[in-house]
Amino acid sequence: MSNDRPAVPSQDGGLFRVRMDLSYDGAPFYGWACQDGLPTVQGSLEAALEVLIRRPVRLTVAGRTDSGVHARGQVVHFDLTGPEWAGLPRGAALTPEEALIRRMRGILNKDLTMPLRKAKAPKRAIHAMEGAIAVHSASLAPEGFDARFSALWRRYSYRIADREAGRDPLTRAVTLWHDFSLDEHRMNAAADTVLGVRDFLSFCKPRTGATTVRELQEFSFLRRPDGVMEAHLRADAFCHNMVRSLVGGAILVGAGDRSPEWLATRLQARVRDSKSLLAPPHPLILEEVRYPPEDEMQLRADNTRARRAIPGF
C-alpha cells in the first residue's frame, strides 16, 4: 500500500492509517523484513493481520532490525478501510483500538507456536516463542503520519559485560560477555569524533540506491552500578549494520587495539573492509522512536523524503 494515504477517511471511501507500537525478542527471528521460508517479525505480524482483517496487510516500520536484534519501542503503520476499522470489535463491547490489540495478541501467540506444536517440539522451544512479539498500543494516526519518514530519531542501546561481576547468566541473551575489561573513557573519546551529520559508509552495509549519510546525535558509553557497560546511540536514522559497526569499532578502541582517533579516521576513509568489527547482534535493542507534534507529521515526512532523494545525502 502507498505510504501517502490519508489518516482520516474521506467520504468516498478513503483509508484509516493505524499506528501500532510493539516490542519483540529478536532471538527466534531472522530479522524484521519478510524472507521466504524463514520466521521474521514482519512476516509474523502481517500473517496475524491477514487472519484478523481477512486480506493481506502491508506494514511500514520505523526501523528495520537485523537478525537477532530486539526492540522495546518499535513503531509500525498500516492502512485499513472504514468498515475494516469499525468492524474490529465484531460485536464485542470494545473500541477498535482495544479489539485490535487483544486479537493481535491472541493470534500472534497461537500462530507463532502452532508449527512447533504440530511438530511436537519440546515445550522449552514452544515457551521460547510464546510472547516473542507484544503489541502494546494501537491508535488512529494523525494526518500525514508515516512510521518511517515522520520519525525525528531512533535510539538504540547495547550492553557489554566486560567484568566478572557483570556476567549475569539471566541476562546473557541481551548482553555481550567480553573477555577482559574495556576502557569506557577511551571509547567515549572515540565516539565523540563521529557525532554529527556525516557519511557513515565505512560503518554501513549499503543498500542499493540508498544513502549512507546520517546525523548521529548521541553515541556514549555509561558504566552502570552493576558493572555492565551500556552504549546509547541516537540518530535521525541508521543504515544497515551501522550501530553494530560503531560499537564494534569502539570496542577495539576500549581494548587498546586502536587509538581514540581511529573511528574518525575510518569514517573519513569512506570504505568498508575487514578492518571493521561487527559487534554481535543479541545485545542490541531498539529502545525508542520519537516523532514531532501531530500537526508537524506531514511536514516532517515530506522533508525526510526530499532529503533522501538528494544524491549523496
C-alpha atoms as a PDB file:
ATOM      1  CA  MET A   1       0.000   0.000   0.000  1.00  0.00           C
ATOM      2  CA  SER A   2       1.081   3.567  -0.547  1.00  0.00           C
ATOM      3  CA  ASN A   3       2.707   5.370   2.350  1.00  0.00           C
ATOM      4  CA  ASP A   4       0.890   8.559   1.326  1.00  0.00           C
ATOM      5  CA  ARG A   5      -2.659   7.517   2.214  1.00  0.00           C
ATOM      6  CA  PRO A   6      -4.611   9.915   4.444  1.00  0.00           C
ATOM      7  CA  ALA A   7      -5.037   9.052   8.105  1.00  0.00           C
ATOM      8  CA  VAL A   8      -8.667  10.211   8.109  1.00  0.00           C
ATOM      9  CA  PRO A   9     -11.023   8.525   5.622  1.00  0.00           C
ATOM     10  CA  SER A  10     -12.754  10.649   3.025  1.00  0.00           C
ATOM     11  CA  GLN A  11     -16.452  10.404   2.212  1.00  0.00           C
ATOM     12  CA  ASP A  12     -15.703   8.372  -0.919  1.00  0.00           C
ATOM     13  CA  GLY A  13     -14.042   5.526   0.937  1.00  0.00           C
ATOM     14  CA  GLY A  14     -10.543   6.677   1.931  1.00  0.00           C
ATOM     15  CA  LEU A  15      -8.358   4.730   4.330  1.00  0.00           C
ATOM     16  CA  PHE A  16      -7.662   4.913   8.024  1.00  0.00           C
ATOM     17  CA  ARG A  17      -3.958   4.949   8.900  1.00  0.00           C
ATOM     18  CA  VAL A  18      -3.285   2.919  12.041  1.00  0.00           C
ATOM     19  CA  ARG A  19      -0.228   3.289  14.270  1.00  0.00           C
ATOM     20  CA  MET A  20       0.822   0.256  16.294  1.00  0.00           C
ATOM     21  CA  ASP A  21       3.535   0.206  18.978  1.00  0.00           C
ATOM     22  CA  LEU A  22       5.204  -3.089  19.826  1.00  0.00           C
ATOM     23  CA  SER A  23       8.230  -4.855  21.214  1.00  0.00           C
ATOM     24  CA  TYR A  24       9.857  -8.167  20.396  1.00  0.00           C
ATOM     25  CA  ASP A  25      12.554 -10.627  21.316  1.00  0.00           C
ATOM     26  CA  GLY A  26      14.602 -10.899  18.139  1.00  0.00           C
ATOM     27  CA  ALA A  27      16.299 -14.195  19.004  1.00  0.00           C
ATOM     28  CA  PRO A  28      13.773 -16.518  17.274  1.00  0.00           C
ATOM     29  CA  PHE A  29      13.565 -14.380  14.125  1.00  0.00           C
ATOM     30  CA  TYR A  30      15.665 -13.775  11.023  1.00  0.00           C
ATOM     31  CA  GLY A  31      15.345 -10.025  11.382  1.00  0.00           C
ATOM     32  CA  TRP A  32      12.430  -7.702  10.715  1.00  0.00           C
ATOM     33  CA  ALA A  33      11.907  -7.995   6.950  1.00  0.00           C
ATOM     34  CA  CYS A  34       9.963 -10.850   5.327  1.00  0.00           C
ATOM     35  CA  GLN A  35      12.056 -13.739   3.976  1.00  0.00           C
ATOM     36  CA  ASP A  36      10.632 -16.754   2.177  1.00  0.00           C
ATOM     37  CA  GLY A  37      10.511 -19.807   4.407  1.00  0.00           C
ATOM     38  CA  LEU A  38      12.054 -18.078   7.435  1.00  0.00           C
ATOM     39  CA  PRO A  39      10.382 -16.651  10.571  1.00  0.00           C
ATOM     40  CA  THR A  40      10.619 -12.858  10.681  1.00  0.00           C
ATOM     41  CA  VAL A  41       8.915 -10.200  12.778  1.00  0.00           C
ATOM     42  CA  GLN A  42       7.255  -8.537   9.798  1.00  0.00           C
ATOM     43  CA  GLY A  43       6.132 -11.875   8.396  1.00  0.00           C
ATOM     44  CA  SER A  44       4.588 -12.908  11.718  1.00  0.00           C
ATOM     45  CA  LEU A  45       2.766  -9.601  12.186  1.00  0.00           C
ATOM     46  CA  GLU A  46       1.462  -9.470   8.620  1.00  0.00           C
ATOM     47  CA  ALA A  47       0.269 -13.076   8.851  1.00  0.00           C
ATOM     48  CA  ALA A  48      -1.606 -12.222  12.058  1.00  0.00           C
ATOM     49  CA  LEU A  49      -3.175  -9.132  10.462  1.00  0.00           C
ATOM     50  CA  GLU A  50      -4.250 -11.183   7.455  1.00  0.00           C
ATOM     51  CA  VAL A  51      -6.085 -13.582   9.769  1.00  0.00           C
ATOM     52  CA  LEU A  52      -7.755 -10.656  11.531  1.00  0.00           C
ATOM     53  CA  ILE A  53      -8.563  -8.425   8.530  1.00  0.00           C
ATOM     54  CA  ARG A  54      -9.089 -11.314   6.074  1.00  0.00           C
ATOM     55  CA  ARG A  55      -6.793  -9.847   3.403  1.00  0.00           C
ATOM     56  CA  PRO A  56      -3.062  -9.125   3.067  1.00  0.00           C
ATOM     57  CA  VAL A  57      -1.968  -6.027   5.020  1.00  0.00           C
ATOM     58  CA  ARG A  58       1.434  -4.433   4.417  1.00  0.00           C
ATOM     59  CA  LEU A  59       3.357  -2.874   7.293  1.00  0.00           C
ATOM     60  CA  THR A  60       5.696   0.128   7.225  1.00  0.00           C
ATOM     61  CA  VAL A  61       8.208   0.083  10.081  1.00  0.00           C
ATOM     62  CA  ALA A  62      10.113   2.860  11.834  1.00  0.00           C
ATOM     63  CA  GLY A  63      13.399   0.945  11.843  1.00  0.00           C
ATOM     64  CA  ARG A  64      14.238  -2.425  10.298  1.00  0.00           C
ATOM     65  CA  THR A  65      16.221  -4.612  12.683  1.00  0.00           C
ATOM     66  CA  ASP A  66      18.751  -7.313  11.768  1.00  0.00           C
ATOM     67  CA  SER A  67      18.557 -10.980  12.653  1.00  0.00           C
ATOM     68  CA  GLY A  68      18.739 -11.459  16.425  1.00  0.00           C
ATOM     69  CA  VAL A  69      18.221  -7.758  17.244  1.00  0.00           C
ATOM     70  CA  HIS A  70      15.462  -6.839  19.711  1.00  0.00           C
ATOM     71  CA  ALA A  71      13.035  -3.933  20.010  1.00  0.00           C
ATOM     72  CA  ARG A  72      11.436  -2.364  23.044  1.00  0.00           C
ATOM     73  CA  GLY A  73       9.905   0.649  21.262  1.00  0.00           C
ATOM     74  CA  GLN A  74       9.214  -0.297  17.638  1.00  0.00           C
ATOM     75  CA  VAL A  75       6.516   1.553  15.648  1.00  0.00           C
ATOM     76  CA  VAL A  76       4.641   0.463  12.522  1.00  0.00           C
ATOM     77  CA  HIS A  77       1.741   1.757  10.446  1.00  0.00           C
ATOM     78  CA  PHE A  78      -0.764   0.183   8.087  1.00  0.00           C
ATOM     79  CA  ASP A  79      -3.950   1.256   6.316  1.00  0.00           C
ATOM     80  CA  LEU A  80      -7.493  -0.091   6.748  1.00  0.00           C
ATOM     81  CA  THR A  81     -10.790   0.816   5.159  1.00  0.00           C
ATOM     82  CA  GLY A  82     -13.502   2.411   7.282  1.00  0.00           C
ATOM     83  CA  PRO A  83     -15.557  -0.822   7.522  1.00  0.00           C
ATOM     84  CA  GLU A  84     -12.440  -2.842   8.404  1.00  0.00           C
ATOM     85  CA  TRP A  85     -11.577  -0.462  11.238  1.00  0.00           C
ATOM     86  CA  ALA A  86     -15.128  -0.208  12.565  1.00  0.00           C
ATOM     87  CA  GLY A  87     -15.592  -3.984  12.321  1.00  0.00           C
ATOM     88  CA  LEU A  88     -12.633  -4.940  14.513  1.00  0.00           C
ATOM     89  CA  PRO A  89     -14.754  -5.371  17.711  1.00  0.00           C
ATOM     90  CA  ARG A  90     -17.046  -7.846  15.911  1.00  0.00           C
ATOM     91  CA  GLY A  91     -19.902  -7.128  18.263  1.00  0.00           C
ATOM     92  CA  ALA A  92     -17.848  -7.095  21.460  1.00  0.00           C
ATOM     93  CA  ALA A  93     -18.027  -4.149  23.858  1.00  0.00           C
ATOM     94  CA  LEU A  94     -14.599  -2.917  22.772  1.00  0.00           C
ATOM     95  CA  THR A  95     -13.243   0.047  20.862  1.00  0.00           C
ATOM     96  CA  PRO A  96     -11.488  -0.779  17.571  1.00  0.00           C
ATOM     97  CA  GLU A  97      -8.174   0.038  19.285  1.00  0.00           C
ATOM     98  CA  GLU A  98      -8.850  -2.369  22.156  1.00  0.00           C
ATOM     99  CA  ALA A  99     -10.077  -5.079  19.813  1.00  0.00           C
ATOM    100  CA  LEU A 100      -7.007  -4.795  17.587  1.00  0.00           C
ATOM    101  CA  ILE A 101      -4.592  -5.128  20.497  1.00  0.00           C
ATOM    102  CA  ARG A 102      -6.451  -8.026  22.126  1.00  0.00           C
ATOM    103  CA  ARG A 103      -6.963 -10.022  18.929  1.00  0.00           C
ATOM    104  CA  MET A 104      -3.439  -9.458  17.650  1.00  0.00           C
ATOM    105  CA  ARG A 105      -2.036 -10.782  20.925  1.00  0.00           C
ATOM    106  CA  GLY A 106      -4.178 -13.898  20.705  1.00  0.00           C
ATOM    107  CA  ILE A 107      -3.386 -14.600  17.052  1.00  0.00           C
ATOM    108  CA  LEU A 108       0.343 -13.976  17.462  1.00  0.00           C
ATOM    109  CA  ASN A 109       0.726 -16.367  20.389  1.00  0.00           C
ATOM    110  CA  LYS A 110      -1.253 -19.044  18.562  1.00  0.00           C
ATOM    111  CA  ASP A 111       0.346 -18.673  15.131  1.00  0.00           C
ATOM    112  CA  LEU A 112       3.933 -18.360  16.362  1.00  0.00           C
ATOM    113  CA  THR A 113       3.788 -21.595  18.339  1.00  0.00           C
ATOM    114  CA  MET A 114       1.438 -23.673  16.149  1.00  0.00           C
ATOM    115  CA  PRO A 115       4.169 -25.023  13.788  1.00  0.00           C
ATOM    116  CA  LEU A 116       6.188 -26.127  16.819  1.00  0.00           C
ATOM    117  CA  ARG A 117       3.178 -27.777  18.424  1.00  0.00           C
ATOM    118  CA  LYS A 118       2.333 -29.660  15.225  1.00  0.00           C
ATOM    119  CA  ALA A 119       5.933 -30.856  15.014  1.00  0.00           C
ATOM    120  CA  LYS A 120       5.721 -31.920  18.694  1.00  0.00           C
ATOM    121  CA  ALA A 121       8.669 -29.718  19.550  1.00  0.00           C
ATOM    122  CA  PRO A 122       9.967 -29.688  23.143  1.00  0.00           C
ATOM    123  CA  LYS A 123       7.962 -27.490  25.500  1.00  0.00           C
ATOM    124  CA  ARG A 124      11.072 -25.378  26.047  1.00  0.00           C
ATOM    125  CA  ALA A 125      11.122 -24.419  22.350  1.00  0.00           C
ATOM    126  CA  ILE A 126       7.410 -23.583  22.377  1.00  0.00           C
ATOM    127  CA  HIS A 127       7.821 -21.483  25.515  1.00  0.00           C
ATOM    128  CA  ALA A 128      10.658 -19.510  23.848  1.00  0.00           C
ATOM    129  CA  MET A 129       8.292 -18.384  21.078  1.00  0.00           C
ATOM    130  CA  GLU A 130       5.350 -17.507  23.312  1.00  0.00           C
ATOM    131  CA  GLY A 131       5.259 -13.776  23.870  1.00  0.00           C
ATOM    132  CA  ALA A 132       8.157 -13.123  21.469  1.00  0.00           C
ATOM    133  CA  ILE A 133       6.113 -10.270  19.969  1.00  0.00           C
ATOM    134  CA  ALA A 134       3.971  -7.987  22.135  1.00  0.00           C
ATOM    135  CA  VAL A 135       1.575  -5.346  20.775  1.00  0.00           C
ATOM    136  CA  HIS A 136       1.335  -2.550  23.352  1.00  0.00           C
ATOM    137  CA  SER A 137      -0.883   0.046  21.727  1.00  0.00           C
ATOM    138  CA  ALA A 138      -2.834   0.821  18.581  1.00  0.00           C
ATOM    139  CA  SER A 139      -4.476   4.073  17.516  1.00  0.00           C
ATOM    140  CA  LEU A 140      -5.608   6.088  14.539  1.00  0.00           C
ATOM    141  CA  ALA A 141      -2.592   8.016  13.322  1.00  0.00           C
ATOM    142  CA  PRO A 142      -2.658  11.804  12.884  1.00  0.00           C
ATOM    143  CA  GLU A 143      -2.815  13.319   9.415  1.00  0.00           C
ATOM    144  CA  GLY A 144       0.365  12.731   7.432  1.00  0.00           C
ATOM    145  CA  PHE A 145       1.869  10.185   9.847  1.00  0.00           C
ATOM    146  CA  ASP A 146       4.432   7.774   8.412  1.00  0.00           C
ATOM    147  CA  ALA A 147       6.151   5.388  10.823  1.00  0.00           C
ATOM    148  CA  ARG A 148       9.388   5.622   8.862  1.00  0.00           C
ATOM    149  CA  PHE A 149       9.596   9.108   7.376  1.00  0.00           C
ATOM    150  CA  SER A 150       7.866  11.089  10.137  1.00  0.00           C
ATOM    151  CA  ALA A 151      10.344   9.938  12.797  1.00  0.00           C
ATOM    152  CA  LEU A 152      12.684  12.535  14.264  1.00  0.00           C
ATOM    153  CA  TRP A 153      15.118   9.982  15.624  1.00  0.00           C
ATOM    154  CA  ARG A 154      15.685   6.385  16.737  1.00  0.00           C
ATOM    155  CA  ARG A 155      17.558   5.342  19.870  1.00  0.00           C
ATOM    156  CA  TYR A 156      19.377   2.031  20.450  1.00  0.00           C
ATOM    157  CA  SER A 157      21.120   0.513  23.467  1.00  0.00           C
ATOM    158  CA  TYR A 158      23.887  -2.104  23.632  1.00  0.00           C
ATOM    159  CA  ARG A 159      25.023  -3.907  26.815  1.00  0.00           C
ATOM    160  CA  ILE A 160      28.573  -5.177  27.395  1.00  0.00           C
ATOM    161  CA  ALA A 161      29.670  -7.214  30.434  1.00  0.00           C
ATOM    162  CA  ASP A 162      33.447  -6.807  30.439  1.00  0.00           C
ATOM    163  CA  ARG A 163      33.929  -7.609  34.126  1.00  0.00           C
ATOM    164  CA  GLU A 164      33.187 -10.817  36.017  1.00  0.00           C
ATOM    165  CA  ALA A 165      30.741  -9.055  38.324  1.00  0.00           C
ATOM    166  CA  GLY A 166      28.520  -8.102  35.393  1.00  0.00           C
ATOM    167  CA  ARG A 167      28.225 -11.598  33.932  1.00  0.00           C
ATOM    168  CA  ASP A 168      24.694 -12.436  34.969  1.00  0.00           C
ATOM    169  CA  PRO A 169      23.541 -15.693  33.298  1.00  0.00           C
ATOM    170  CA  LEU A 170      19.950 -14.471  33.478  1.00  0.00           C
ATOM    171  CA  THR A 171      20.706 -11.546  31.129  1.00  0.00           C
ATOM    172  CA  ARG A 172      23.237 -13.252  28.875  1.00  0.00           C
ATOM    173  CA  ALA A 173      20.717 -13.307  25.989  1.00  0.00           C
ATOM    174  CA  VAL A 174      20.859  -9.496  25.777  1.00  0.00           C
ATOM    175  CA  THR A 175      24.446  -8.837  26.925  1.00  0.00           C
ATOM    176  CA  LEU A 176      27.823  -9.262  25.245  1.00  0.00           C
ATOM    177  CA  TRP A 177      30.290 -11.042  27.530  1.00  0.00           C
ATOM    178  CA  HIS A 178      33.690  -9.547  26.711  1.00  0.00           C
ATOM    179  CA  ASP A 179      36.816 -11.425  27.774  1.00  0.00           C
ATOM    180  CA  PHE A 180      38.522  -8.512  29.528  1.00  0.00           C
ATOM    181  CA  SER A 181      37.834  -5.027  30.844  1.00  0.00           C
ATOM    182  CA  LEU A 182      37.349  -2.157  28.406  1.00  0.00           C
ATOM    183  CA  ASP A 183      38.234   1.500  28.940  1.00  0.00           C
ATOM    184  CA  GLU A 184      34.958   3.440  28.612  1.00  0.00           C
ATOM    185  CA  HIS A 185      36.825   6.774  28.681  1.00  0.00           C
ATOM    186  CA  ARG A 186      38.736   5.889  25.516  1.00  0.00           C
ATOM    187  CA  MET A 187      35.508   4.617  23.963  1.00  0.00           C
ATOM    188  CA  ASN A 188      33.656   7.864  24.735  1.00  0.00           C
ATOM    189  CA  ALA A 189      36.532   9.913  23.346  1.00  0.00           C
ATOM    190  CA  ALA A 190      36.334   7.914  20.122  1.00  0.00           C
ATOM    191  CA  ALA A 191      32.539   8.155  19.991  1.00  0.00           C
ATOM    192  CA  ASP A 192      32.665  11.960  20.222  1.00  0.00           C
ATOM    193  CA  THR A 193      34.691  12.161  16.999  1.00  0.00           C
ATOM    194  CA  VAL A 194      31.922  10.707  14.809  1.00  0.00           C
ATOM    195  CA  LEU A 195      28.956  12.754  16.047  1.00  0.00           C
ATOM    196  CA  GLY A 196      27.051  14.989  13.630  1.00  0.00           C
ATOM    197  CA  VAL A 197      25.895  14.764  10.014  1.00  0.00           C
ATOM    198  CA  ARG A 198      28.379  12.500   8.252  1.00  0.00           C
ATOM    199  CA  ASP A 199      28.707   9.815   5.617  1.00  0.00           C
ATOM    200  CA  PHE A 200      28.847   6.518   7.547  1.00  0.00           C
ATOM    201  CA  LEU A 201      29.737   4.351   4.551  1.00  0.00           C
ATOM    202  CA  SER A 202      32.684   2.837   6.476  1.00  0.00           C
ATOM    203  CA  PHE A 203      30.273   1.624   9.157  1.00  0.00           C
ATOM    204  CA  CYS A 204      27.333   0.535   6.981  1.00  0.00           C
ATOM    205  CA  LYS A 205      26.357  -2.197   4.598  1.00  0.00           C
ATOM    206  CA  PRO A 206      24.963  -0.013   1.797  1.00  0.00           C
ATOM    207  CA  ARG A 207      21.599  -0.852   0.261  1.00  0.00           C
ATOM    208  CA  THR A 208      21.230  -0.313  -3.467  1.00  0.00           C
ATOM    209  CA  GLY A 209      20.171   3.254  -4.188  1.00  0.00           C
ATOM    210  CA  ALA A 210      20.188   4.286  -0.511  1.00  0.00           C
ATOM    211  CA  THR A 211      22.312   6.989   1.089  1.00  0.00           C
ATOM    212  CA  THR A 212      24.702   6.328   3.973  1.00  0.00           C
ATOM    213  CA  VAL A 213      24.627   9.922   5.272  1.00  0.00           C
ATOM    214  CA  ARG A 214      23.101  10.136   8.756  1.00  0.00           C
ATOM    215  CA  GLU A 215      23.001  12.551  11.694  1.00  0.00           C
ATOM    216  CA  LEU A 216      24.456  10.757  14.719  1.00  0.00           C
ATOM    217  CA  GLN A 217      23.092  12.775  17.646  1.00  0.00           C
ATOM    218  CA  GLU A 218      24.300  10.658  20.568  1.00  0.00           C
ATOM    219  CA  PHE A 219      26.959   7.978  20.973  1.00  0.00           C
ATOM    220  CA  SER A 220      28.074   7.308  24.534  1.00  0.00           C
ATOM    221  CA  PHE A 221      29.135   4.579  26.948  1.00  0.00           C
ATOM    222  CA  LEU A 222      27.998   4.520  30.575  1.00  0.00           C
ATOM    223  CA  ARG A 223      29.206   2.202  33.346  1.00  0.00           C
ATOM    224  CA  ARG A 224      26.126   1.013  35.245  1.00  0.00           C
ATOM    225  CA  PRO A 225      26.138   0.344  39.032  1.00  0.00           C
ATOM    226  CA  ASP A 226      26.184  -3.410  38.316  1.00  0.00           C
ATOM    227  CA  GLY A 227      29.424  -3.011  36.352  1.00  0.00           C
ATOM    228  CA  VAL A 228      27.829  -3.546  32.936  1.00  0.00           C
ATOM    229  CA  MET A 229      28.735  -1.007  30.269  1.00  0.00           C
ATOM    230  CA  GLU A 230      25.783   0.311  28.276  1.00  0.00           C
ATOM    231  CA  ALA A 231      26.078   2.124  24.956  1.00  0.00           C
ATOM    232  CA  HIS A 232      23.422   4.559  23.766  1.00  0.00           C
ATOM    233  CA  LEU A 233      23.174   5.665  20.147  1.00  0.00           C
ATOM    234  CA  ARG A 234      20.632   8.092  18.700  1.00  0.00           C
ATOM    235  CA  ALA A 235      20.339   9.267  15.102  1.00  0.00           C
ATOM    236  CA  ASP A 236      17.766  10.581  12.669  1.00  0.00           C
ATOM    237  CA  ALA A 237      18.047   7.126  11.091  1.00  0.00           C
ATOM    238  CA  PHE A 238      20.528   4.256  10.988  1.00  0.00           C
ATOM    239  CA  CYS A 239      21.707   2.433   7.891  1.00  0.00           C
ATOM    240  CA  HIS A 240      22.213  -1.341   7.757  1.00  0.00           C
ATOM    241  CA  ASN A 241      24.693  -2.610  10.407  1.00  0.00           C
ATOM    242  CA  MET A 242      25.620   0.945  11.439  1.00  0.00           C
ATOM    243  CA  VAL A 243      25.064   0.541  15.188  1.00  0.00           C
ATOM    244  CA  ARG A 244      26.869  -2.787  15.428  1.00  0.00           C
ATOM    245  CA  SER A 245      29.799  -1.470  13.376  1.00  0.00           C
ATOM    246  CA  LEU A 246      30.167   1.645  15.501  1.00  0.00           C
ATOM    247  CA  VAL A 247      30.001  -0.357  18.740  1.00  0.00           C
ATOM    248  CA  GLY A 248      32.445  -2.910  17.327  1.00  0.00           C
ATOM    249  CA  GLY A 249      34.909  -0.152  16.447  1.00  0.00           C
ATOM    250  CA  ALA A 250      34.558   1.404  19.893  1.00  0.00           C
ATOM    251  CA  ILE A 251      35.283  -1.988  21.484  1.00  0.00           C
ATOM    252  CA  LEU A 252      38.579  -2.134  19.565  1.00  0.00           C
ATOM    253  CA  VAL A 253      39.423   1.303  20.974  1.00  0.00           C
ATOM    254  CA  GLY A 254      38.378   0.322  24.510  1.00  0.00           C
ATOM    255  CA  ALA A 255      40.537  -2.791  24.306  1.00  0.00           C
ATOM    256  CA  GLY A 256      43.575  -0.698  23.373  1.00  0.00           C
ATOM    257  CA  ASP A 257      43.864  -2.221  19.886  1.00  0.00           C
ATOM    258  CA  ARG A 258      43.073   1.104  18.217  1.00  0.00           C
ATOM    259  CA  SER A 259      43.591   4.765  19.145  1.00  0.00           C
ATOM    260  CA  PRO A 260      40.614   7.003  20.063  1.00  0.00           C
ATOM    261  CA  GLU A 261      41.105   8.763  16.711  1.00  0.00           C
ATOM    262  CA  TRP A 262      40.626   5.548  14.765  1.00  0.00           C
ATOM    263  CA  LEU A 263      36.837   5.830  14.398  1.00  0.00           C
ATOM    264  CA  ALA A 264      37.166   9.266  12.807  1.00  0.00           C
ATOM    265  CA  THR A 265      39.939   8.022  10.520  1.00  0.00           C
ATOM    266  CA  ARG A 266      37.777   5.124   9.385  1.00  0.00           C
ATOM    267  CA  LEU A 267      34.847   7.464   8.836  1.00  0.00           C
ATOM    268  CA  GLN A 268      36.910   9.754   6.606  1.00  0.00           C
ATOM    269  CA  ALA A 269      38.216   6.809   4.573  1.00  0.00           C
ATOM    270  CA  ARG A 270      34.643   6.020   3.403  1.00  0.00           C
ATOM    271  CA  VAL A 271      35.491   2.385   2.748  1.00  0.00           C
ATOM    272  CA  ARG A 272      34.047  -0.767   4.318  1.00  0.00           C
ATOM    273  CA  ASP A 273      36.555  -3.604   4.660  1.00  0.00           C
ATOM    274  CA  SER A 274      37.871  -6.285   7.018  1.00  0.00           C
ATOM    275  CA  LYS A 275      39.337  -3.663   9.385  1.00  0.00           C
ATOM    276  CA  SER A 276      35.863  -3.051  10.773  1.00  0.00           C
ATOM    277  CA  LEU A 277      34.477  -5.164  13.629  1.00  0.00           C
ATOM    278  CA  LEU A 278      30.775  -6.010  13.600  1.00  0.00           C
ATOM    279  CA  ALA A 279      29.577  -6.448  17.190  1.00  0.00           C
ATOM    280  CA  PRO A 280      27.254  -9.433  17.837  1.00  0.00           C
ATOM    281  CA  PRO A 281      23.532  -8.677  17.380  1.00  0.00           C
ATOM    282  CA  HIS A 282      21.987 -10.168  20.545  1.00  0.00           C
ATOM    283  CA  PRO A 283      22.693  -7.211  22.937  1.00  0.00           C
ATOM    284  CA  LEU A 284      21.259  -4.620  20.521  1.00  0.00           C
ATOM    285  CA  ILE A 285      17.838  -3.161  21.385  1.00  0.00           C
ATOM    286  CA  LEU A 286      15.791  -0.533  19.553  1.00  0.00           C
ATOM    287  CA  GLU A 287      14.643   1.411  22.595  1.00  0.00           C
ATOM    288  CA  GLU A 288      12.614   4.318  21.264  1.00  0.00           C
ATOM    289  CA  VAL A 289      11.388   6.169  18.186  1.00  0.00           C
ATOM    290  CA  ARG A 290      10.485   9.839  18.601  1.00  0.00           C
ATOM    291  CA  TYR A 291       8.007  11.794  16.455  1.00  0.00           C
ATOM    292  CA  PRO A 292       7.142  15.505  16.163  1.00  0.00           C
ATOM    293  CA  PRO A 293       3.840  17.066  17.304  1.00  0.00           C
ATOM    294  CA  GLU A 294       0.799  15.803  15.415  1.00  0.00           C
ATOM    295  CA  ASP A 295       0.429  18.920  13.271  1.00  0.00           C
ATOM    296  CA  GLU A 296       4.032  18.530  12.030  1.00  0.00           C
ATOM    297  CA  MET A 297       3.873  14.860  10.955  1.00  0.00           C
ATOM    298  CA  GLN A 298       3.249  15.519   7.267  1.00  0.00           C
ATOM    299  CA  LEU A 299       5.916  18.239   7.037  1.00  0.00           C
ATOM    300  CA  ARG A 300       8.490  16.002   8.699  1.00  0.00           C
ATOM    301  CA  ALA A 301       7.685  13.105   6.360  1.00  0.00           C
ATOM    302  CA  ASP A 302       7.870  15.333   3.278  1.00  0.00           C
ATOM    303  CA  ASN A 303      11.189  16.864   4.363  1.00  0.00           C
ATOM    304  CA  THR A 304      12.715  13.461   5.115  1.00  0.00           C
ATOM    305  CA  ARG A 305      11.699  12.072   1.716  1.00  0.00           C
ATOM    306  CA  ALA A 306      13.087  15.147  -0.015  1.00  0.00           C
ATOM    307  CA  ARG A 307      16.461  14.862   1.723  1.00  0.00           C
ATOM    308  CA  ARG A 308      16.740  11.142   0.998  1.00  0.00           C
ATOM    309  CA  ALA A 309      16.118  11.913  -2.679  1.00  0.00           C
ATOM    310  CA  ILE A 310      19.116  14.265  -2.935  1.00  0.00           C
ATOM    311  CA  PRO A 311      22.125  12.415  -4.488  1.00  0.00           C
ATOM    312  CA  GLY A 312      24.865  11.934  -1.921  1.00  0.00           C
ATOM    313  CA  PHE A 313      22.701  12.682   1.118  1.00  0.00           C
END
